[in-house]
Amino acid sequence: ESITPDDYERRVADNTVMEVIDAYDSAPG
């Protein structure tokens, strides 16, 4: 999701940055 540089710094400070990072189940290949 879209965040601003200020949003990024706030999320690092309050430990919520992982909520806006995409995640994939990984598999060989």
PDB file of all heavy atoms in Angstrom:
ATOM      1  N   GLU A   1       0.857  -1.188   0.000  1.00  0.00           N
ATOM      2  CA  GLU A   1       0.000   0.000   0.000  1.00  0.00           C
ATOM      3  C   GLU A   1       0.890   1.233   0.000  1.00  0.00           C
ATOM      4  O   GLU A   1       2.053   1.190   0.400  1.00  0.00           O
ATOM      5  CB  GLU A   1      -0.949   0.020   1.191  1.00  0.00           C
ATOM      6  CG  GLU A   1      -0.281   0.118   2.532  1.00  0.00           C
ATOM      7  CD  GLU A   1      -1.296   0.105   3.672  1.00  0.00           C
ATOM      8  OE1 GLU A   1      -1.915  -0.951   3.905  1.00  0.00           O
ATOM      9  OE2 GLU A   1      -1.455   1.162   4.323  1.00  0.00           O
ATOM     10  N   SER A   2       0.314   2.326  -0.473  1.00  0.00           N
ATOM     11  CA  SER A   2       1.090   3.551  -0.620  1.00  0.00           C
ATOM     12  C   SER A   2       1.356   4.194   0.736  1.00  0.00           C
ATOM     13  O   SER A   2       0.440   4.336   1.564  1.00  0.00           O
ATOM     14  CB  SER A   2       0.336   4.529  -1.518  1.00  0.00           C
ATOM     15  OG  SER A   2       1.071   5.715  -1.685  1.00  0.00           O
ATOM     16  N   ILE A   3       2.616   4.547   0.950  1.00  0.00           N
ATOM     17  CA  ILE A   3       2.997   5.287   2.153  1.00  0.00           C
ATOM     18  C   ILE A   3       3.928   6.428   1.754  1.00  0.00           C
ATOM     19  O   ILE A   3       4.569   6.389   0.699  1.00  0.00           O
ATOM     20  CB  ILE A   3       3.682   4.394   3.211  1.00  0.00           C
ATOM     21  CG1 ILE A   3       4.996   3.792   2.665  1.00  0.00           C
ATOM     22  CG2 ILE A   3       2.740   3.315   3.714  1.00  0.00           C
ATOM     23  CD1 ILE A   3       5.834   3.082   3.720  1.00  0.00           C
ATOM     24  N   THR A   4       4.007   7.414   2.597  1.00  0.00           N
ATOM     25  CA  THR A   4       4.927   8.528   2.394  1.00  0.00           C
ATOM     26  C   THR A   4       6.202   8.286   3.203  1.00  0.00           C
ATOM     27  O   THR A   4       6.230   7.430   4.094  1.00  0.00           O
ATOM     28  CB  THR A   4       4.296   9.838   2.858  1.00  0.00           C
ATOM     29  OG1 THR A   4       4.134   9.784   4.290  1.00  0.00           O
ATOM     30  CG2 THR A   4       2.942  10.075   2.191  1.00  0.00           C
ATOM     31  N   PRO A   5       7.248   9.036   2.928  1.00  0.00           N
ATOM     32  CA  PRO A   5       8.455   8.917   3.760  1.00  0.00           C
ATOM     33  C   PRO A   5       8.175   9.160   5.244  1.00  0.00           C
ATOM     34  O   PRO A   5       8.766   8.497   6.102  1.00  0.00           O
ATOM     35  CB  PRO A   5       9.387   9.980   3.167  1.00  0.00           C
ATOM     36  CG  PRO A   5       8.995  10.049   1.727  1.00  0.00           C
ATOM     37  CD  PRO A   5       7.502   9.869   1.731  1.00  0.00           C
ATOM     38  N   ASP A   6       7.265  10.089   5.552  1.00  0.00           N
ATOM     39  CA  ASP A   6       6.914  10.318   6.953  1.00  0.00           C
ATOM     40  C   ASP A   6       6.185   9.108   7.543  1.00  0.00           C
ATOM     41  O   ASP A   6       6.421   8.717   8.702  1.00  0.00           O
ATOM     42  CB  ASP A   6       6.035  11.564   7.089  1.00  0.00           C
ATOM     43  CG  ASP A   6       6.815  12.854   6.886  1.00  0.00           C
ATOM     44  OD1 ASP A   6       8.058  12.809   6.965  1.00  0.00           O
ATOM     45  OD2 ASP A   6       6.174  13.892   6.630  1.00  0.00           O
ATOM     46  N   ASP A   7       5.279   8.495   6.742  1.00  0.00           N
ATOM     47  CA  ASP A   7       4.609   7.280   7.189  1.00  0.00           C
ATOM     48  C   ASP A   7       5.622   6.186   7.504  1.00  0.00           C
ATOM     49  O   ASP A   7       5.490   5.461   8.509  1.00  0.00           O
ATOM     50  CB  ASP A   7       3.648   6.754   6.112  1.00  0.00           C
ATOM     51  CG  ASP A   7       2.459   7.656   5.860  1.00  0.00           C
ATOM     52  OD1 ASP A   7       2.071   8.391   6.776  1.00  0.00           O
ATOM     53  OD2 ASP A   7       1.930   7.615   4.731  1.00  0.00           O
ATOM     54  N   TYR A   8       6.600   6.052   6.619  1.00  0.00           N
ATOM     55  CA  TYR A   8       7.632   5.027   6.802  1.00  0.00           C
ATOM     56  C   TYR A   8       8.335   5.214   8.144  1.00  0.00           C
ATOM     57  O   TYR A   8       8.475   4.253   8.931  1.00  0.00           O
ATOM     58  CB  TYR A   8       8.625   5.085   5.636  1.00  0.00           C
ATOM     59  CG  TYR A   8      10.029   4.713   6.011  1.00  0.00           C
ATOM     60  CD1 TYR A   8      10.390   3.388   6.262  1.00  0.00           C
ATOM     61  CD2 TYR A   8      11.011   5.697   6.146  1.00  0.00           C
ATOM     62  CE1 TYR A   8      11.689   3.058   6.636  1.00  0.00           C
ATOM     63  CE2 TYR A   8      12.294   5.377   6.512  1.00  0.00           C
ATOM     64  CZ  TYR A   8      12.636   4.064   6.761  1.00  0.00           C
ATOM     65  OH  TYR A   8      13.913   3.741   7.138  1.00  0.00           O
ATOM     66  N   GLU A   9       8.776   6.423   8.434  1.00  0.00           N
ATOM     67  CA  GLU A   9       9.511   6.653   9.685  1.00  0.00           C
ATOM     68  C   GLU A   9       8.614   6.395  10.895  1.00  0.00           C
ATOM     69  O   GLU A   9       9.069   5.827  11.903  1.00  0.00           O
ATOM     70  CB  GLU A   9      10.070   8.076   9.716  1.00  0.00           C
ATOM     71  CG  GLU A   9      11.247   8.271   8.767  1.00  0.00           C
ATOM     72  CD  GLU A   9      12.064   9.493   9.101  1.00  0.00           C
ATOM     73  OE1 GLU A   9      11.468  10.580   9.320  1.00  0.00           O
ATOM     74  OE2 GLU A   9      13.305   9.363   9.168  1.00  0.00           O
ATOM     75  N   ARG A  10       7.359   6.783  10.797  1.00  0.00           N
ATOM     76  CA  ARG A  10       6.433   6.536  11.909  1.00  0.00           C
ATOM     77  C   ARG A  10       6.241   5.044  12.130  1.00  0.00           C
ATOM     78  O   ARG A  10       6.243   4.568  13.285  1.00  0.00           O
ATOM     79  CB  ARG A  10       5.090   7.209  11.627  1.00  0.00           C
ATOM     80  CG  ARG A  10       4.018   6.898  12.672  1.00  0.00           C
ATOM     81  CD  ARG A  10       2.683   7.535  12.327  1.00  0.00           C
ATOM     82  NE  ARG A  10       2.161   7.103  11.039  1.00  0.00           N
ATOM     83  CZ  ARG A  10       1.577   5.926  10.835  1.00  0.00           C
ATOM     84  NH1 ARG A  10       1.461   5.043  11.820  1.00  0.00           N
ATOM     85  NH2 ARG A  10       1.111   5.619   9.635  1.00  0.00           N
ATOM     86  N   ARG A  11       6.089   4.285  11.055  1.00  0.00           N
ATOM     87  CA  ARG A  11       5.859   2.843  11.172  1.00  0.00           C
ATOM     88  C   ARG A  11       7.110   2.115  11.701  1.00  0.00           C
ATOM     89  O   ARG A  11       6.988   1.128  12.421  1.00  0.00           O
ATOM     90  CB  ARG A  11       5.424   2.260   9.834  1.00  0.00           C
ATOM     91  CG  ARG A  11       3.973   2.597   9.500  1.00  0.00           C
ATOM     92  CD  ARG A  11       3.512   1.920   8.225  1.00  0.00           C
ATOM     93  NE  ARG A  11       2.076   2.108   7.987  1.00  0.00           N
ATOM     94  CZ  ARG A  11       1.130   1.353   8.504  1.00  0.00           C
ATOM     95  NH1 ARG A  11       1.447   0.352   9.320  1.00  0.00           N
ATOM     96  NH2 ARG A  11      -0.146   1.581   8.231  1.00  0.00           N
ATOM     97  N   VAL A  12       8.280   2.589  11.352  1.00  0.00           N
ATOM     98  CA  VAL A  12       9.487   2.007  11.937  1.00  0.00           C
ATOM     99  C   VAL A  12       9.499   2.264  13.439  1.00  0.00           C
ATOM    100  O   VAL A  12       9.799   1.368  14.242  1.00  0.00           O
ATOM    101  CB  VAL A  12      10.761   2.580  11.271  1.00  0.00           C
ATOM    102  CG1 VAL A  12      12.002   2.155  12.060  1.00  0.00           C
ATOM    103  CG2 VAL A  12      10.871   2.095   9.830  1.00  0.00           C
ATOM    104  N   ALA A  13       9.144   3.478  13.834  1.00  0.00           N
ATOM    105  CA  ALA A  13       9.171   3.852  15.253  1.00  0.00           C
ATOM    106  C   ALA A  13       8.158   3.071  16.080  1.00  0.00           C
ATOM    107  O   ALA A  13       8.443   2.699  17.234  1.00  0.00           O
ATOM    108  CB  ALA A  13       8.929   5.352  15.406  1.00  0.00           C
ATOM    109  N   ASP A  14       6.981   2.787  15.494  1.00  0.00           N
ATOM    110  CA  ASP A  14       5.961   2.090  16.291  1.00  0.00           C
ATOM    111  C   ASP A  14       5.834   0.600  15.935  1.00  0.00           C
ATOM    112  O   ASP A  14       4.859  -0.056  16.295  1.00  0.00           O
ATOM    113  CB  ASP A  14       4.604   2.797  16.177  1.00  0.00           C
ATOM    114  CG  ASP A  14       4.014   2.771  14.764  1.00  0.00           C
ATOM    115  OD1 ASP A  14       4.476   1.961  13.926  1.00  0.00           O
ATOM    116  OD2 ASP A  14       3.082   3.553  14.503  1.00  0.00           O
ATOM    117  N   ASN A  15       6.850   0.073  15.200  1.00  0.00           N
ATOM    118  CA  ASN A  15       6.926  -1.370  14.897  1.00  0.00           C
ATOM    119  C   ASN A  15       5.745  -1.886  14.070  1.00  0.00           C
ATOM    120  O   ASN A  15       5.301  -3.022  14.239  1.00  0.00           O
ATOM    121  CB  ASN A  15       7.036  -2.198  16.188  1.00  0.00           C
ATOM    122  CG  ASN A  15       8.360  -1.989  16.892  1.00  0.00           C
ATOM    123  OD1 ASN A  15       9.397  -1.841  16.247  1.00  0.00           O
ATOM    124  ND2 ASN A  15       8.329  -1.953  18.210  1.00  0.00           N
ATOM    125  N   THR A  16       5.230  -1.061  13.157  1.00  0.00           N
ATOM    126  CA  THR A  16       4.134  -1.512  12.285  1.00  0.00           C
ATOM    127  C   THR A  16       4.544  -1.541  10.812  1.00  0.00           C
ATOM    128  O   THR A  16       3.674  -1.695   9.944  1.00  0.00           O
ATOM    129  CB  THR A  16       2.899  -0.605  12.442  1.00  0.00           C
ATOM    130  OG1 THR A  16       3.230   0.737  12.040  1.00  0.00           O
ATOM    131  CG2 THR A  16       2.383  -0.622  13.874  1.00  0.00           C
ATOM    132  N   VAL A  17       5.832  -1.417  10.529  1.00  0.00           N
ATOM    133  CA  VAL A  17       6.255  -1.347   9.131  1.00  0.00           C
ATOM    134  C   VAL A  17       5.954  -2.637   8.369  1.00  0.00           C
ATOM    135  O   VAL A  17       5.676  -2.623   7.162  1.00  0.00           O
ATOM    136  CB  VAL A  17       7.762  -0.985   9.026  1.00  0.00           C
ATOM    137  CG1 VAL A  17       8.645  -2.134   9.484  1.00  0.00           C
ATOM    138  CG2 VAL A  17       8.116  -0.560   7.601  1.00  0.00           C
ATOM    139  N   MET A  18       5.963  -3.801   9.053  1.00  0.00           N
ATOM    140  CA  MET A  18       5.681  -5.065   8.376  1.00  0.00           C
ATOM    141  C   MET A  18       4.257  -5.119   7.834  1.00  0.00           C
ATOM    142  O   MET A  18       3.972  -5.887   6.906  1.00  0.00           O
ATOM    143  CB  MET A  18       5.925  -6.241   9.318  1.00  0.00           C
ATOM    144  CG  MET A  18       7.375  -6.437   9.730  1.00  0.00           C
ATOM    145  SD  MET A  18       8.497  -6.699   8.336  1.00  0.00           S
ATOM    146  CE  MET A  18       7.970  -8.315   7.766  1.00  0.00           C
ATOM    147  N   GLU A  19       3.355  -4.283   8.369  1.00  0.00           N
ATOM    148  CA  GLU A  19       1.964  -4.293   7.910  1.00  0.00           C
ATOM    149  C   GLU A  19       1.818  -3.794   6.476  1.00  0.00           C
ATOM    150  O   GLU A  19       0.811  -4.090   5.814  1.00  0.00           O
ATOM    151  CB  GLU A  19       1.104  -3.429   8.840  1.00  0.00           C
ATOM    152  CG  GLU A  19       0.990  -3.973  10.262  1.00  0.00           C
ATOM    153  CD  GLU A  19       0.189  -3.055  11.172  1.00  0.00           C
ATOM    154  OE1 GLU A  19      -0.357  -2.042  10.661  1.00  0.00           O
ATOM    155  OE2 GLU A  19       0.115  -3.332  12.386  1.00  0.00           O
ATOM    156  N   VAL A  20       2.797  -3.051   5.974  1.00  0.00           N
ATOM    157  CA  VAL A  20       2.688  -2.484   4.620  1.00  0.00           C
ATOM    158  C   VAL A  20       3.655  -3.145   3.633  1.00  0.00           C
ATOM    159  O   VAL A  20       3.755  -2.711   2.483  1.00  0.00           O
ATOM    160  CB  VAL A  20       2.903  -0.958   4.633  1.00  0.00           C
ATOM    161  CG1 VAL A  20       1.804  -0.282   5.431  1.00  0.00           C
ATOM    162  CG2 VAL A  20       4.282  -0.582   5.177  1.00  0.00           C
ATOM    163  N   ILE A  21       4.350  -4.186   4.066  1.00  0.00           N
ATOM    164  CA  ILE A  21       5.291  -4.889   3.184  1.00  0.00           C
ATOM    165  C   ILE A  21       4.630  -6.165   2.667  1.00  0.00           C
ATOM    166  O   ILE A  21       4.056  -6.937   3.440  1.00  0.00           O
ATOM    167  CB  ILE A  21       6.602  -5.205   3.920  1.00  0.00           C
ATOM    168  CG1 ILE A  21       7.288  -3.906   4.354  1.00  0.00           C
ATOM    169  CG2 ILE A  21       7.536  -6.033   3.031  1.00  0.00           C
ATOM    170  CD1 ILE A  21       8.503  -4.103   5.219  1.00  0.00           C
ATOM    171  N   ASP A  22       4.712  -6.380   1.360  1.00  0.00           N
ATOM    172  CA  ASP A  22       4.076  -7.544   0.751  1.00  0.00           C
ATOM    173  C   ASP A  22       4.831  -8.818   1.117  1.00  0.00           C
ATOM    174  O   ASP A  22       6.044  -8.780   1.381  1.00  0.00           O
ATOM    175  CB  ASP A  22       4.037  -7.382  -0.767  1.00  0.00           C
ATOM    176  CG  ASP A  22       2.797  -8.000  -1.385  1.00  0.00           C
ATOM    177  OD1 ASP A  22       2.110  -8.772  -0.693  1.00  0.00           O
ATOM    178  OD2 ASP A  22       2.523  -7.716  -2.567  1.00  0.00           O
ATOM    179  N   ALA A  23       4.131  -9.941   1.131  1.00  0.00           N
ATOM    180  CA  ALA A  23       4.730 -11.230   1.508  1.00  0.00           C
ATOM    181  C   ALA A  23       4.278 -12.301   0.536  1.00  0.00           C
ATOM    182  O   ALA A  23       3.127 -12.303   0.078  1.00  0.00           O
ATOM    183  CB  ALA A  23       4.339 -11.608   2.931  1.00  0.00           C
ATOM    184  N   TYR A  24       5.189 -13.230   0.232  1.00  0.00           N
ATOM    185  CA  TYR A  24       4.918 -14.331  -0.690  1.00  0.00           C
ATOM    186  C   TYR A  24       5.328 -15.648  -0.044  1.00  0.00           C
ATOM    187  O   TYR A  24       6.420 -15.737   0.550  1.00  0.00           O
ATOM    188  CB  TYR A  24       5.719 -14.161  -1.990  1.00  0.00           C
ATOM    189  CG  TYR A  24       5.276 -12.999  -2.841  1.00  0.00           C
ATOM    190  CD1 TYR A  24       5.662 -11.691  -2.515  1.00  0.00           C
ATOM    191  CD2 TYR A  24       4.473 -13.203  -3.950  1.00  0.00           C
ATOM    192  CE1 TYR A  24       5.245 -10.621  -3.293  1.00  0.00           C
ATOM    193  CE2 TYR A  24       4.052 -12.133  -4.733  1.00  0.00           C
ATOM    194  CZ  TYR A  24       4.448 -10.855  -4.403  1.00  0.00           C
ATOM    195  OH  TYR A  24       4.031  -9.787  -5.171  1.00  0.00           O
ATOM    196  N   ASP A  25       4.490 -16.662  -0.166  1.00  0.00           N
ATOM    197  CA  ASP A  25       4.941 -18.019   0.136  1.00  0.00           C
ATOM    198  C   ASP A  25       5.983 -18.394  -0.910  1.00  0.00           C
ATOM    199  O   ASP A  25       5.741 -18.235  -2.112  1.00  0.00           O
ATOM    200  CB  ASP A  25       3.768 -18.999   0.084  1.00  0.00           C
ATOM    201  CG  ASP A  25       2.738 -18.735   1.163  1.00  0.00           C
ATOM    202  OD1 ASP A  25       3.128 -18.303   2.261  1.00  0.00           O
ATOM    203  OD2 ASP A  25       1.547 -18.948   0.888  1.00  0.00           O
ATOM    204  N   SER A  26       7.132 -18.870  -0.474  1.00  0.00           N
ATOM    205  CA  SER A  26       8.202 -19.183  -1.418  1.00  0.00           C
ATOM    206  C   SER A  26       8.306 -20.686  -1.634  1.00  0.00           C
ATOM    207  O   SER A  26       7.976 -21.486  -0.753  1.00  0.00           O
ATOM    208  CB  SER A  26       9.541 -18.623  -0.924  1.00  0.00           C
ATOM    209  OG  SER A  26       9.863 -19.114   0.359  1.00  0.00           O
ATOM    210  N   ALA A  27       8.784 -21.051  -2.826  1.00  0.00           N
ATOM    211  CA  ALA A  27       8.922 -22.455  -3.197  1.00  0.00           C
ATOM    212  C   ALA A  27      10.152 -22.605  -4.081  1.00  0.00           C
ATOM    213  O   ALA A  27      10.572 -21.645  -4.744  1.00  0.00           O
ATOM    214  CB  ALA A  27       7.685 -22.935  -3.942  1.00  0.00           C
ATOM    215  N   PRO A  28      10.767 -23.786  -4.101  1.00  0.00           N
ATOM    216  CA  PRO A  28      11.919 -24.005  -4.979  1.00  0.00           C
ATOM    217  C   PRO A  28      11.590 -23.626  -6.426  1.00  0.00           C
ATOM    218  O   PRO A  28      10.520 -23.967  -6.945  1.00  0.00           O
ATOM    219  CB  PRO A  28      12.187 -25.506  -4.833  1.00  0.00           C
ATOM    220  CG  PRO A  28      11.670 -25.843  -3.472  1.00  0.00           C
ATOM    221  CD  PRO A  28      10.459 -24.987  -3.285  1.00  0.00           C
ATOM    222  N   GLY A  29      12.493 -22.887  -7.038  1.00  0.00           N
ATOM    223  CA  GLY A  29      12.293 -22.435  -8.408  1.00  0.00           C
ATOM    224  C   GLY A  29      11.778 -21.019  -8.532  1.00  0.00           C
ATOM    225  O   GLY A  29      11.804 -20.442  -9.624  1.00  0.00           O
TER     226      GLY A  29
END
